[in-house]
Amino acid sequence: MSTIRTSPFLRFALLLDAVVSGATALLMVSLSSQLAGLLQLPGALLFYAGAFLVPYAALLAYLSRRETLPRWTVWAVVLGNILWAADCTLLALSGWVAPSALGYAFIAVQAIAVVAFAELQYVGMRRSPAAA
């Protein structure tokens, strides 16, 4: 198994993702009913997506504090972010929901943000030397 020494850049990218994911989780879980009306998205979708982000944010915060990580762990985070962006795109384009303009913006910002996090994490992984 390939292990890397986490670079400061990778730690920052993981921590930034953790903070933003945690804030998004808090918003979506605590205000799902209010957001549902504003965004024209199902309240349950907002609540459960936010609930999923709670342990995800905690995991990212934990990973950001590690001196070394298995390379596959970082790849899993990168691919998870790409999958989240793909799911956002599918949700917006599928016709399964009919969001308001603000709802489309909410979905688009999430998709763009997680692709940016994936890119930062990939660059951070590339800057992380192999562990001895």
N, C-alpha and C. Protein backbone atom coordinates (compact mmCIF):
# COMPACT_ATOMS: atom_id res chain seq x y z
N MET A 1 0.85 -1.17 0.00
CA MET A 1 0.00 0.00 0.00
C MET A 1 0.89 1.23 0.00
N SER A 2 0.57 2.18 -0.84
CA SER A 2 1.33 3.41 -0.96
C SER A 2 0.85 4.42 0.08
N THR A 3 1.79 4.92 0.87
CA THR A 3 1.47 5.90 1.91
C THR A 3 2.21 7.19 1.60
N ILE A 4 1.55 8.31 1.87
CA ILE A 4 2.17 9.61 1.63
C ILE A 4 2.28 10.38 2.94
N ARG A 5 3.27 11.27 3.01
CA ARG A 5 3.36 12.24 4.10
C ARG A 5 2.55 13.45 3.65
N THR A 6 1.51 13.78 4.37
CA THR A 6 0.60 14.82 3.91
C THR A 6 1.29 16.18 3.89
N SER A 7 1.25 16.80 2.73
CA SER A 7 1.83 18.13 2.57
C SER A 7 0.92 19.15 3.27
N PRO A 8 1.47 20.30 3.62
CA PRO A 8 0.62 21.36 4.18
C PRO A 8 -0.52 21.75 3.23
N PHE A 9 -0.24 21.71 1.93
CA PHE A 9 -1.28 22.05 0.95
C PHE A 9 -2.43 21.05 1.01
N LEU A 10 -2.11 19.75 1.09
CA LEU A 10 -3.15 18.73 1.17
C LEU A 10 -3.94 18.87 2.46
N ARG A 11 -3.25 19.12 3.54
CA ARG A 11 -3.95 19.32 4.82
C ARG A 11 -4.92 20.50 4.73
N PHE A 12 -4.45 21.60 4.13
CA PHE A 12 -5.31 22.76 3.96
C PHE A 12 -6.53 22.42 3.10
N ALA A 13 -6.32 21.72 1.99
CA ALA A 13 -7.41 21.37 1.08
C ALA A 13 -8.44 20.49 1.78
N LEU A 14 -7.98 19.53 2.57
CA LEU A 14 -8.90 18.66 3.31
C LEU A 14 -9.65 19.45 4.38
N LEU A 15 -8.94 20.32 5.09
CA LEU A 15 -9.57 21.10 6.14
C LEU A 15 -10.58 22.10 5.57
N LEU A 16 -10.23 22.74 4.48
CA LEU A 16 -11.16 23.66 3.83
C LEU A 16 -12.44 22.94 3.41
N ASP A 17 -12.30 21.78 2.82
CA ASP A 17 -13.45 20.97 2.44
C ASP A 17 -14.27 20.60 3.67
N ALA A 18 -13.60 20.25 4.77
CA ALA A 18 -14.29 19.90 6.00
C ALA A 18 -15.10 21.07 6.54
N VAL A 19 -14.52 22.26 6.55
CA VAL A 19 -15.20 23.45 7.08
C VAL A 19 -16.42 23.79 6.21
N VAL A 20 -16.23 23.81 4.90
CA VAL A 20 -17.34 24.15 4.01
C VAL A 20 -18.42 23.07 4.05
N SER A 21 -18.01 21.81 4.07
CA SER A 21 -18.99 20.72 4.16
C SER A 21 -19.75 20.77 5.48
N GLY A 22 -19.05 21.06 6.55
CA GLY A 22 -19.70 21.16 7.86
C GLY A 22 -20.68 22.32 7.91
N ALA A 23 -20.30 23.46 7.36
CA ALA A 23 -21.20 24.62 7.34
C ALA A 23 -22.43 24.33 6.47
N THR A 24 -22.20 23.68 5.33
CA THR A 24 -23.31 23.31 4.46
C THR A 24 -24.23 22.32 5.15
N ALA A 25 -23.64 21.36 5.86
CA ALA A 25 -24.44 20.38 6.60
C ALA A 25 -25.31 21.06 7.64
N LEU A 26 -24.71 21.96 8.39
CA LEU A 26 -25.46 22.69 9.42
C LEU A 26 -26.62 23.46 8.81
N LEU A 27 -26.36 24.13 7.72
CA LEU A 27 -27.39 24.89 7.02
C LEU A 27 -28.51 23.98 6.53
N MET A 28 -28.15 22.90 5.86
CA MET A 28 -29.14 22.01 5.25
C MET A 28 -29.95 21.24 6.29
N VAL A 29 -29.33 20.83 7.36
CA VAL A 29 -30.04 20.06 8.39
C VAL A 29 -30.93 20.98 9.23
N SER A 30 -30.40 22.09 9.65
CA SER A 30 -31.16 22.94 10.58
C SER A 30 -32.22 23.79 9.88
N LEU A 31 -32.03 24.08 8.61
CA LEU A 31 -32.97 24.94 7.90
C LEU A 31 -33.59 24.27 6.68
N SER A 32 -33.69 22.95 6.69
CA SER A 32 -34.17 22.24 5.50
C SER A 32 -35.58 22.68 5.10
N SER A 33 -36.46 22.89 6.04
CA SER A 33 -37.83 23.30 5.70
C SER A 33 -37.87 24.67 5.06
N GLN A 34 -37.13 25.61 5.65
CA GLN A 34 -37.10 26.97 5.10
C GLN A 34 -36.41 26.99 3.73
N LEU A 35 -35.31 26.25 3.62
CA LEU A 35 -34.60 26.20 2.33
C LEU A 35 -35.45 25.54 1.25
N ALA A 36 -36.23 24.54 1.64
CA ALA A 36 -37.07 23.83 0.67
C ALA A 36 -37.99 24.80 -0.06
N GLY A 37 -38.62 25.69 0.69
CA GLY A 37 -39.50 26.67 0.06
C GLY A 37 -38.76 27.67 -0.80
N LEU A 38 -37.64 28.12 -0.32
CA LEU A 38 -36.85 29.12 -1.03
C LEU A 38 -36.21 28.55 -2.31
N LEU A 39 -35.69 27.34 -2.21
CA LEU A 39 -34.97 26.72 -3.33
C LEU A 39 -35.86 25.87 -4.22
N GLN A 40 -37.06 25.59 -3.74
CA GLN A 40 -37.97 24.67 -4.44
C GLN A 40 -37.34 23.30 -4.65
N LEU A 41 -36.68 22.84 -3.59
CA LEU A 41 -36.10 21.49 -3.55
C LEU A 41 -36.76 20.75 -2.40
N PRO A 42 -36.90 19.43 -2.51
CA PRO A 42 -37.54 18.67 -1.43
C PRO A 42 -36.79 18.82 -0.10
N GLY A 43 -37.53 19.12 0.96
CA GLY A 43 -36.94 19.28 2.28
C GLY A 43 -36.20 18.04 2.73
N ALA A 44 -36.76 16.87 2.43
CA ALA A 44 -36.11 15.61 2.84
C ALA A 44 -34.76 15.45 2.12
N LEU A 45 -34.70 15.83 0.86
CA LEU A 45 -33.45 15.76 0.12
C LEU A 45 -32.40 16.65 0.78
N LEU A 46 -32.79 17.87 1.10
CA LEU A 46 -31.86 18.79 1.75
C LEU A 46 -31.42 18.27 3.11
N PHE A 47 -32.38 17.77 3.90
CA PHE A 47 -32.05 17.28 5.24
C PHE A 47 -31.09 16.09 5.18
N TYR A 48 -31.41 15.09 4.36
CA TYR A 48 -30.58 13.88 4.34
C TYR A 48 -29.23 14.11 3.66
N ALA A 49 -29.20 14.98 2.66
CA ALA A 49 -27.90 15.32 2.07
C ALA A 49 -27.03 16.04 3.11
N GLY A 50 -27.65 16.93 3.87
CA GLY A 50 -26.93 17.61 4.94
C GLY A 50 -26.48 16.63 6.02
N ALA A 51 -27.35 15.69 6.37
CA ALA A 51 -27.01 14.69 7.38
C ALA A 51 -25.84 13.82 6.93
N PHE A 52 -25.77 13.52 5.64
CA PHE A 52 -24.64 12.77 5.10
C PHE A 52 -23.35 13.55 5.26
N LEU A 53 -23.43 14.87 5.10
CA LEU A 53 -22.23 15.70 5.17
C LEU A 53 -21.64 15.82 6.57
N VAL A 54 -22.42 15.54 7.60
CA VAL A 54 -21.91 15.66 8.98
C VAL A 54 -20.74 14.70 9.21
N PRO A 55 -20.92 13.38 9.02
CA PRO A 55 -19.76 12.50 9.22
C PRO A 55 -18.67 12.70 8.17
N TYR A 56 -19.07 13.11 6.97
CA TYR A 56 -18.07 13.37 5.93
C TYR A 56 -17.15 14.52 6.36
N ALA A 57 -17.73 15.59 6.87
CA ALA A 57 -16.93 16.73 7.33
C ALA A 57 -16.02 16.31 8.49
N ALA A 58 -16.55 15.49 9.39
CA ALA A 58 -15.73 15.01 10.52
C ALA A 58 -14.56 14.16 10.01
N LEU A 59 -14.83 13.30 9.04
CA LEU A 59 -13.76 12.48 8.46
C LEU A 59 -12.68 13.35 7.82
N LEU A 60 -13.10 14.35 7.06
CA LEU A 60 -12.13 15.24 6.42
C LEU A 60 -11.29 15.98 7.46
N ALA A 61 -11.93 16.44 8.52
CA ALA A 61 -11.19 17.13 9.59
C ALA A 61 -10.16 16.19 10.20
N TYR A 62 -10.56 14.95 10.43
CA TYR A 62 -9.64 13.94 10.97
C TYR A 62 -8.47 13.71 10.00
N LEU A 63 -8.78 13.51 8.72
CA LEU A 63 -7.72 13.26 7.73
C LEU A 63 -6.77 14.44 7.62
N SER A 64 -7.29 15.65 7.77
CA SER A 64 -6.44 16.84 7.64
C SER A 64 -5.41 16.94 8.76
N ARG A 65 -5.60 16.20 9.84
CA ARG A 65 -4.68 16.24 10.98
C ARG A 65 -3.64 15.13 10.95
N ARG A 66 -3.75 14.24 9.98
CA ARG A 66 -2.85 13.08 9.91
C ARG A 66 -1.52 13.43 9.26
N GLU A 67 -0.44 12.90 9.84
CA GLU A 67 0.91 13.09 9.29
C GLU A 67 1.09 12.29 8.00
N THR A 68 0.51 11.10 7.97
CA THR A 68 0.59 10.24 6.79
C THR A 68 -0.81 9.72 6.48
N LEU A 69 -1.00 9.40 5.22
CA LEU A 69 -2.28 8.84 4.76
C LEU A 69 -2.01 7.81 3.67
N PRO A 70 -2.81 6.77 3.63
CA PRO A 70 -2.74 5.92 2.45
C PRO A 70 -3.20 6.72 1.23
N ARG A 71 -2.49 6.57 0.14
CA ARG A 71 -2.84 7.32 -1.07
C ARG A 71 -4.28 7.05 -1.50
N TRP A 72 -4.75 5.81 -1.33
CA TRP A 72 -6.11 5.48 -1.75
C TRP A 72 -7.15 6.29 -0.97
N THR A 73 -6.84 6.68 0.26
CA THR A 73 -7.77 7.47 1.05
C THR A 73 -8.01 8.83 0.40
N VAL A 74 -6.94 9.45 -0.04
CA VAL A 74 -7.07 10.76 -0.71
C VAL A 74 -7.81 10.58 -2.03
N TRP A 75 -7.48 9.51 -2.76
CA TRP A 75 -8.19 9.24 -4.02
C TRP A 75 -9.68 9.06 -3.75
N ALA A 76 -10.05 8.40 -2.66
CA ALA A 76 -11.47 8.20 -2.33
C ALA A 76 -12.17 9.53 -2.09
N VAL A 77 -11.49 10.45 -1.42
CA VAL A 77 -12.06 11.78 -1.18
C VAL A 77 -12.22 12.53 -2.50
N VAL A 78 -11.20 12.50 -3.34
CA VAL A 78 -11.25 13.17 -4.64
C VAL A 78 -12.41 12.61 -5.47
N LEU A 79 -12.49 11.30 -5.56
CA LEU A 79 -13.55 10.67 -6.36
C LEU A 79 -14.93 10.92 -5.74
N GLY A 80 -15.01 10.96 -4.42
CA GLY A 80 -16.28 11.28 -3.76
C GLY A 80 -16.75 12.68 -4.11
N ASN A 81 -15.83 13.62 -4.16
CA ASN A 81 -16.19 14.98 -4.55
C ASN A 81 -16.65 15.04 -6.00
N ILE A 82 -15.98 14.32 -6.86
CA ILE A 82 -16.38 14.28 -8.27
C ILE A 82 -17.77 13.65 -8.40
N LEU A 83 -18.03 12.60 -7.64
CA LEU A 83 -19.34 11.96 -7.67
C LEU A 83 -20.42 12.92 -7.17
N TRP A 84 -20.12 13.69 -6.10
CA TRP A 84 -21.10 14.66 -5.59
C TRP A 84 -21.42 15.70 -6.68
N ALA A 85 -20.41 16.17 -7.39
CA ALA A 85 -20.63 17.14 -8.47
C ALA A 85 -21.46 16.53 -9.59
N ALA A 86 -21.17 15.28 -9.93
CA ALA A 86 -21.96 14.61 -10.96
C ALA A 86 -23.41 14.44 -10.52
N ASP A 87 -23.61 14.10 -9.25
CA ASP A 87 -24.97 13.97 -8.73
C ASP A 87 -25.71 15.30 -8.76
N CYS A 88 -25.02 16.39 -8.42
CA CYS A 88 -25.62 17.73 -8.48
C CYS A 88 -26.04 18.04 -9.92
N THR A 89 -25.17 17.74 -10.86
CA THR A 89 -25.47 17.99 -12.27
C THR A 89 -26.66 17.16 -12.72
N LEU A 90 -26.67 15.90 -12.35
CA LEU A 90 -27.79 15.02 -12.71
C LEU A 90 -29.08 15.53 -12.10
N LEU A 91 -29.05 15.94 -10.85
CA LEU A 91 -30.25 16.46 -10.19
C LEU A 91 -30.77 17.69 -10.92
N ALA A 92 -29.88 18.59 -11.30
CA ALA A 92 -30.30 19.83 -11.95
C ALA A 92 -30.85 19.59 -13.36
N LEU A 93 -30.31 18.60 -14.05
CA LEU A 93 -30.68 18.39 -15.45
C LEU A 93 -31.72 17.30 -15.67
N SER A 94 -32.01 16.50 -14.67
CA SER A 94 -32.85 15.32 -14.84
C SER A 94 -34.33 15.60 -14.97
N GLY A 95 -34.78 16.71 -14.39
CA GLY A 95 -36.22 16.96 -14.36
C GLY A 95 -36.90 16.30 -13.17
N TRP A 96 -36.14 15.63 -12.30
CA TRP A 96 -36.72 15.00 -11.11
C TRP A 96 -37.20 16.03 -10.11
N VAL A 97 -36.59 17.19 -10.14
CA VAL A 97 -37.00 18.30 -9.28
C VAL A 97 -37.14 19.54 -10.17
N ALA A 98 -37.86 20.54 -9.65
CA ALA A 98 -38.04 21.79 -10.39
C ALA A 98 -37.61 22.94 -9.48
N PRO A 99 -36.30 23.11 -9.31
CA PRO A 99 -35.83 24.15 -8.40
C PRO A 99 -36.12 25.56 -8.93
N SER A 100 -36.14 26.49 -8.01
CA SER A 100 -36.19 27.90 -8.39
C SER A 100 -34.83 28.29 -8.95
N ALA A 101 -34.74 29.51 -9.45
CA ALA A 101 -33.44 30.00 -9.94
C ALA A 101 -32.41 29.94 -8.83
N LEU A 102 -32.82 30.29 -7.62
CA LEU A 102 -31.91 30.21 -6.48
C LEU A 102 -31.54 28.75 -6.17
N GLY A 103 -32.48 27.85 -6.38
CA GLY A 103 -32.21 26.42 -6.20
C GLY A 103 -31.18 25.92 -7.19
N TYR A 104 -31.32 26.33 -8.45
CA TYR A 104 -30.31 25.96 -9.45
C TYR A 104 -28.94 26.53 -9.07
N ALA A 105 -28.93 27.76 -8.58
CA ALA A 105 -27.67 28.37 -8.16
C ALA A 105 -27.06 27.60 -6.99
N PHE A 106 -27.90 27.18 -6.04
CA PHE A 106 -27.44 26.41 -4.88
C PHE A 106 -26.80 25.10 -5.33
N ILE A 107 -27.44 24.44 -6.26
CA ILE A 107 -26.91 23.17 -6.80
C ILE A 107 -25.61 23.42 -7.57
N ALA A 108 -25.59 24.46 -8.39
CA ALA A 108 -24.41 24.75 -9.21
C ALA A 108 -23.21 25.14 -8.35
N VAL A 109 -23.44 25.93 -7.31
CA VAL A 109 -22.34 26.33 -6.43
C VAL A 109 -21.75 25.10 -5.75
N GLN A 110 -22.62 24.17 -5.31
CA GLN A 110 -22.09 22.94 -4.70
C GLN A 110 -21.25 22.16 -5.70
N ALA A 111 -21.74 22.00 -6.92
CA ALA A 111 -21.01 21.24 -7.93
C ALA A 111 -19.65 21.88 -8.21
N ILE A 112 -19.64 23.17 -8.39
CA ILE A 112 -18.38 23.88 -8.68
C ILE A 112 -17.43 23.79 -7.50
N ALA A 113 -17.95 23.96 -6.30
CA ALA A 113 -17.10 23.92 -5.10
C ALA A 113 -16.46 22.56 -4.92
N VAL A 114 -17.23 21.49 -5.08
CA VAL A 114 -16.64 20.17 -4.83
C VAL A 114 -15.66 19.77 -5.92
N VAL A 115 -15.86 20.25 -7.14
CA VAL A 115 -14.85 20.01 -8.18
C VAL A 115 -13.57 20.77 -7.83
N ALA A 116 -13.72 21.98 -7.32
CA ALA A 116 -12.54 22.75 -6.90
C ALA A 116 -11.83 22.06 -5.74
N PHE A 117 -12.59 21.52 -4.78
CA PHE A 117 -11.96 20.79 -3.67
C PHE A 117 -11.23 19.55 -4.20
N ALA A 118 -11.85 18.84 -5.13
CA ALA A 118 -11.20 17.65 -5.70
C ALA A 118 -9.88 18.03 -6.36
N GLU A 119 -9.89 19.13 -7.08
CA GLU A 119 -8.66 19.58 -7.74
C GLU A 119 -7.59 19.96 -6.72
N LEU A 120 -7.98 20.71 -5.70
CA LEU A 120 -7.03 21.09 -4.65
C LEU A 120 -6.46 19.86 -3.95
N GLN A 121 -7.31 18.89 -3.67
CA GLN A 121 -6.86 17.68 -2.98
C GLN A 121 -5.95 16.84 -3.88
N TYR A 122 -6.26 16.79 -5.16
CA TYR A 122 -5.40 16.07 -6.09
C TYR A 122 -4.01 16.74 -6.16
N VAL A 123 -4.00 18.05 -6.28
CA VAL A 123 -2.72 18.78 -6.31
C VAL A 123 -1.97 18.56 -5.00
N GLY A 124 -2.69 18.62 -3.88
CA GLY A 124 -2.07 18.38 -2.58
C GLY A 124 -1.48 16.98 -2.47
N MET A 125 -2.17 16.01 -3.02
CA MET A 125 -1.66 14.64 -3.00
C MET A 125 -0.39 14.54 -3.85
N ARG A 126 -0.38 15.22 -4.99
CA ARG A 126 0.80 15.20 -5.85
C ARG A 126 2.00 15.86 -5.19
N ARG A 127 1.73 16.83 -4.31
CA ARG A 127 2.80 17.55 -3.61
C ARG A 127 3.25 16.81 -2.35
N SER A 128 2.59 15.71 -2.03
CA SER A 128 2.91 14.95 -0.81
C SER A 128 3.89 13.85 -1.15
N PRO A 129 5.06 13.86 -0.53
CA PRO A 129 6.05 12.82 -0.83
C PRO A 129 5.64 11.47 -0.25
N ALA A 130 6.20 10.45 -0.81
CA ALA A 130 5.96 9.10 -0.30
C ALA A 130 6.51 9.00 1.12
N ALA A 131 5.80 8.27 1.96
CA ALA A 131 6.25 8.04 3.32
C ALA A 131 7.30 6.92 3.31
N ALA A 132 8.23 7.01 4.20
CA ALA A 132 9.29 5.99 4.27
C ALA A 132 8.77 4.71 4.84
